[in-house]
Amino acid sequence: MPNGTGTSEPSLRVSRLIAEALVQRHGPRRIVKRAAHFGICPALTRAMLAACGQTAVDPLTAARRDVPGPA
């Protein structure tokens, strides 16, 4: 039976929350609040926060700092 998120499986619900958090640039408080709303356990919520935090770091920006500019 579908739930309010349009998904019926818990793994799809978690994936959707992570995707929305990344696309909409949710902060940690909003991610925790939404996870609690959907009944996601604290351990999985911490994993979601870690995943979103790592993804939020722009690797291209870090790489550009390592490349010397024109001489």
N, C-alpha and C. Protein backbone atom coordinates (compact mmCIF):
# COMPACT_ATOMS: atom_id res chain seq x y z
N MET A 1 0.84 -1.18 0.00
CA MET A 1 0.00 0.00 0.00
C MET A 1 0.88 1.23 0.00
N PRO A 2 0.68 2.16 -0.93
CA PRO A 2 1.51 3.35 -1.00
C PRO A 2 1.34 4.24 0.22
N ASN A 3 2.38 4.97 0.55
CA ASN A 3 2.31 5.92 1.65
C ASN A 3 2.26 7.34 1.09
N GLY A 4 2.34 8.33 1.94
CA GLY A 4 2.23 9.73 1.52
C GLY A 4 3.36 10.22 0.64
N THR A 5 4.47 9.48 0.56
CA THR A 5 5.60 9.93 -0.26
C THR A 5 5.51 9.40 -1.68
N GLY A 6 4.52 8.55 -1.96
CA GLY A 6 4.41 7.98 -3.29
C GLY A 6 5.24 6.71 -3.45
N THR A 7 5.86 6.25 -2.37
CA THR A 7 6.63 5.01 -2.42
C THR A 7 6.11 4.09 -1.33
N SER A 8 6.21 2.80 -1.56
CA SER A 8 5.71 1.86 -0.57
C SER A 8 6.83 1.14 0.18
N GLU A 9 8.03 1.09 -0.38
CA GLU A 9 9.13 0.39 0.27
C GLU A 9 9.99 1.37 1.07
N PRO A 10 10.41 0.97 2.30
CA PRO A 10 11.23 1.86 3.11
C PRO A 10 12.52 2.30 2.42
N SER A 11 13.16 1.40 1.67
CA SER A 11 14.42 1.78 1.00
C SER A 11 14.18 2.86 -0.04
N LEU A 12 13.06 2.81 -0.73
CA LEU A 12 12.74 3.85 -1.70
C LEU A 12 12.44 5.17 -1.01
N ARG A 13 11.82 5.09 0.16
CA ARG A 13 11.51 6.29 0.93
C ARG A 13 12.82 6.97 1.36
N VAL A 14 13.78 6.20 1.83
CA VAL A 14 15.07 6.75 2.24
C VAL A 14 15.79 7.35 1.04
N SER A 15 15.80 6.65 -0.07
CA SER A 15 16.45 7.16 -1.28
C SER A 15 15.81 8.48 -1.72
N ARG A 16 14.51 8.53 -1.63
CA ARG A 16 13.81 9.76 -2.03
C ARG A 16 14.17 10.92 -1.10
N LEU A 17 14.21 10.66 0.21
CA LEU A 17 14.57 11.71 1.16
C LEU A 17 15.99 12.23 0.90
N ILE A 18 16.91 11.31 0.61
CA ILE A 18 18.29 11.73 0.32
C ILE A 18 18.33 12.55 -0.95
N ALA A 19 17.65 12.09 -1.98
CA ALA A 19 17.63 12.82 -3.26
C ALA A 19 17.04 14.22 -3.08
N GLU A 20 15.93 14.32 -2.37
CA GLU A 20 15.32 15.63 -2.14
C GLU A 20 16.23 16.53 -1.32
N ALA A 21 16.89 15.96 -0.32
CA ALA A 21 17.79 16.76 0.51
C ALA A 21 18.94 17.32 -0.31
N LEU A 22 19.46 16.52 -1.23
CA LEU A 22 20.58 16.99 -2.05
C LEU A 22 20.13 18.02 -3.08
N VAL A 23 19.04 17.74 -3.76
CA VAL A 23 18.57 18.64 -4.81
C VAL A 23 18.10 19.97 -4.22
N GLN A 24 17.37 19.89 -3.11
CA GLN A 24 16.82 21.09 -2.50
C GLN A 24 17.75 21.71 -1.46
N ARG A 25 18.93 21.11 -1.31
CA ARG A 25 19.96 21.62 -0.40
C ARG A 25 19.46 21.80 1.04
N HIS A 26 18.83 20.74 1.56
CA HIS A 26 18.35 20.77 2.93
C HIS A 26 19.52 20.74 3.90
N GLY A 27 19.37 21.43 4.99
CA GLY A 27 20.36 21.40 6.05
C GLY A 27 20.13 20.20 6.96
N PRO A 28 21.07 19.95 7.86
CA PRO A 28 20.97 18.78 8.75
C PRO A 28 19.68 18.76 9.57
N ARG A 29 19.25 19.89 10.08
CA ARG A 29 18.03 19.92 10.90
C ARG A 29 16.81 19.48 10.10
N ARG A 30 16.73 19.95 8.87
CA ARG A 30 15.58 19.59 8.03
C ARG A 30 15.63 18.10 7.68
N ILE A 31 16.80 17.59 7.41
CA ILE A 31 16.94 16.16 7.09
C ILE A 31 16.48 15.32 8.28
N VAL A 32 16.93 15.68 9.48
CA VAL A 32 16.55 14.92 10.68
C VAL A 32 15.04 15.02 10.91
N LYS A 33 14.48 16.20 10.74
CA LYS A 33 13.05 16.40 10.94
C LYS A 33 12.23 15.55 9.96
N ARG A 34 12.62 15.53 8.70
CA ARG A 34 11.90 14.75 7.70
C ARG A 34 12.07 13.25 7.95
N ALA A 35 13.27 12.84 8.34
CA ALA A 35 13.51 11.43 8.63
C ALA A 35 12.62 10.98 9.80
N ALA A 36 12.54 11.79 10.83
CA ALA A 36 11.69 11.46 11.98
C ALA A 36 10.22 11.39 11.55
N HIS A 37 9.81 12.31 10.70
CA HIS A 37 8.43 12.32 10.23
C HIS A 37 8.08 11.02 9.51
N PHE A 38 9.03 10.47 8.77
CA PHE A 38 8.77 9.24 8.02
C PHE A 38 9.16 7.98 8.79
N GLY A 39 9.53 8.15 10.08
CA GLY A 39 9.80 6.99 10.93
C GLY A 39 11.11 6.29 10.66
N ILE A 40 12.09 7.01 10.15
CA ILE A 40 13.39 6.42 9.87
C ILE A 40 14.19 6.38 11.17
N CYS A 41 14.82 5.24 11.44
CA CYS A 41 15.52 5.05 12.71
C CYS A 41 16.72 5.99 12.83
N PRO A 42 17.14 6.30 14.05
CA PRO A 42 18.26 7.22 14.27
C PRO A 42 19.57 6.79 13.58
N ALA A 43 19.87 5.50 13.56
CA ALA A 43 21.12 5.06 12.92
C ALA A 43 21.09 5.34 11.42
N LEU A 44 19.97 5.08 10.79
CA LEU A 44 19.85 5.35 9.36
C LEU A 44 19.83 6.86 9.10
N THR A 45 19.25 7.62 9.99
CA THR A 45 19.26 9.08 9.87
C THR A 45 20.68 9.61 9.90
N ARG A 46 21.51 9.08 10.81
CA ARG A 46 22.91 9.50 10.87
C ARG A 46 23.64 9.15 9.58
N ALA A 47 23.34 7.98 9.03
CA ALA A 47 23.96 7.58 7.76
C ALA A 47 23.52 8.51 6.63
N MET A 48 22.25 8.90 6.64
CA MET A 48 21.76 9.85 5.63
C MET A 48 22.48 11.19 5.75
N LEU A 49 22.66 11.66 6.98
CA LEU A 49 23.36 12.92 7.19
C LEU A 49 24.80 12.84 6.68
N ALA A 50 25.46 11.73 6.95
CA ALA A 50 26.83 11.56 6.49
C ALA A 50 26.89 11.54 4.97
N ALA A 51 25.97 10.82 4.35
CA ALA A 51 25.95 10.75 2.88
C ALA A 51 25.69 12.12 2.26
N CYS A 52 24.74 12.83 2.81
CA CYS A 52 24.42 14.15 2.27
C CYS A 52 25.57 15.13 2.51
N GLY A 53 26.21 15.02 3.66
CA GLY A 53 27.34 15.90 3.96
C GLY A 53 28.51 15.66 3.03
N GLN A 54 28.81 14.41 2.75
CA GLN A 54 29.92 14.09 1.85
C GLN A 54 29.62 14.52 0.43
N THR A 55 28.37 14.37 0.01
CA THR A 55 27.99 14.74 -1.34
C THR A 55 27.95 16.24 -1.51
N ALA A 56 27.65 16.96 -0.44
CA ALA A 56 27.55 18.42 -0.52
C ALA A 56 28.90 19.08 -0.78
N VAL A 57 29.98 18.38 -0.46
CA VAL A 57 31.31 18.92 -0.73
C VAL A 57 31.55 18.84 -2.23
N ASP A 58 31.87 19.96 -2.83
CA ASP A 58 32.06 20.00 -4.28
C ASP A 58 33.48 19.59 -4.63
N PRO A 59 33.67 18.40 -5.15
CA PRO A 59 35.04 17.95 -5.46
C PRO A 59 35.68 18.78 -6.57
N LEU A 60 34.90 19.37 -7.46
CA LEU A 60 35.47 20.20 -8.52
C LEU A 60 36.10 21.47 -7.96
N THR A 61 35.47 22.04 -6.93
CA THR A 61 36.03 23.24 -6.32
C THR A 61 37.38 22.92 -5.68
N ALA A 62 37.45 21.80 -4.98
CA ALA A 62 38.71 21.40 -4.35
C ALA A 62 39.78 21.14 -5.42
N ALA A 63 39.39 20.51 -6.50
CA ALA A 63 40.36 20.21 -7.58
C ALA A 63 40.86 21.49 -8.23
N ARG A 64 40.01 22.47 -8.40
CA ARG A 64 40.42 23.73 -9.02
C ARG A 64 41.48 24.46 -8.18
N ARG A 65 41.42 24.30 -6.86
CA ARG A 65 42.41 24.96 -6.01
C ARG A 65 43.78 24.33 -6.18
N ASP A 66 43.82 23.06 -6.56
CA ASP A 66 45.08 22.36 -6.73
C ASP A 66 45.73 22.60 -8.09
N VAL A 67 44.97 23.11 -9.04
CA VAL A 67 45.50 23.34 -10.38
C VAL A 67 46.05 24.76 -10.45
N PRO A 68 47.33 24.91 -10.80
CA PRO A 68 47.88 26.27 -10.87
C PRO A 68 47.24 27.04 -12.02
N GLY A 69 47.07 28.32 -11.80
CA GLY A 69 46.49 29.20 -12.81
C GLY A 69 47.49 29.51 -13.93
N PRO A 70 47.02 30.28 -14.92
CA PRO A 70 47.91 30.63 -16.03
C PRO A 70 49.13 31.43 -15.53
N ALA A 71 50.27 31.18 -16.14
CA ALA A 71 51.50 31.86 -15.71
C ALA A 71 51.66 33.20 -16.37
